[in-house]
Amino acid sequence: MNVVKDVKHSGLIVDARGEKLLIQEHPSIGRGSIVVVGLNKVQHFDSTKTTTDFLKALKSLIVQ
């Protein structure tokens, strides 16, 4: 069953460079991975390891 889930879901790219957040799934990024693209940096978070990585990704958007 995990194989089917992995095919349907991929990682996320969160583009925080504009006035609005652009959030898209991207098949080249593994399931549970979040890439946050900001004005000055790009960060990678892995929510499959810990839920705190997902929270770090969200908090990184606020601190920019």
Protein backbone atom coordinates (compact mmCIF):
# COMPACT_ATOMS: atom_id res chain seq x y z
CA MET A 1 0.00 0.00 0.00
CA ASN A 2 2.89 2.43 0.63
CA VAL A 3 3.91 2.18 -3.00
CA VAL A 4 0.52 3.46 -4.11
CA LYS A 5 0.67 6.32 -1.61
CA ASP A 6 4.16 7.30 -2.77
CA VAL A 7 3.02 7.45 -6.38
CA LYS A 8 0.13 9.78 -5.56
CA HIS A 9 1.95 12.18 -3.24
CA SER A 10 5.21 13.98 -3.70
CA GLY A 11 7.07 16.67 -1.82
CA LEU A 12 6.14 20.31 -1.67
CA ILE A 13 7.79 23.47 -2.90
CA VAL A 14 6.77 26.59 -1.00
CA ASP A 15 7.75 29.72 -2.90
CA ALA A 16 7.73 32.66 -0.48
CA ARG A 17 9.43 35.18 -2.79
CA GLY A 18 6.29 36.96 -3.94
CA GLU A 19 3.43 38.71 -2.19
CA LYS A 20 1.46 35.45 -2.05
CA LEU A 21 2.73 32.02 -1.06
CA LEU A 22 2.87 29.58 -3.95
CA ILE A 23 2.62 25.97 -2.76
CA GLN A 24 2.99 23.17 -5.28
CA GLU A 25 3.57 19.44 -5.23
CA HIS A 26 6.61 18.40 -7.21
CA PRO A 27 7.25 14.79 -8.30
CA SER A 28 11.04 15.11 -8.11
CA ILE A 29 10.86 15.82 -4.37
CA GLY A 30 10.29 12.87 -2.11
CA ARG A 31 7.12 12.37 -0.11
CA GLY A 32 7.24 14.33 3.15
CA SER A 33 9.92 16.73 1.95
CA ILE A 34 9.27 20.46 1.94
CA VAL A 35 11.51 22.92 0.12
CA VAL A 36 10.98 26.54 1.17
CA VAL A 37 12.29 29.13 -1.28
CA GLY A 38 12.70 32.56 0.26
CA LEU A 39 14.22 35.80 -0.97
CA ASN A 40 17.63 35.07 0.57
CA LYS A 41 17.74 31.31 1.11
CA VAL A 42 16.41 27.89 0.24
CA GLN A 43 15.65 25.46 3.04
CA HIS A 44 14.80 21.76 3.04
CA PHE A 45 12.68 20.10 5.71
CA ASP A 46 11.78 16.42 6.07
CA SER A 47 8.45 15.88 7.80
CA THR A 48 8.82 12.07 7.63
CA LYS A 49 11.53 12.15 10.30
CA THR A 50 9.86 14.47 12.78
CA THR A 51 6.84 16.69 12.83
CA THR A 52 9.05 19.50 14.11
CA ASP A 53 10.60 19.79 10.63
CA PHE A 54 7.18 20.63 9.24
CA LEU A 55 6.72 23.26 11.95
CA LYS A 56 10.19 24.66 11.21
CA ALA A 57 9.23 25.02 7.55
CA LEU A 58 6.13 27.01 8.48
CA LYS A 59 8.00 29.17 11.00
CA SER A 60 10.75 29.92 8.48
CA LEU A 61 8.17 31.69 6.34
CA ILE A 62 7.27 34.05 9.15
CA VAL A 63 10.85 34.94 10.09
CA GLN A 64 11.95 35.98 6.58
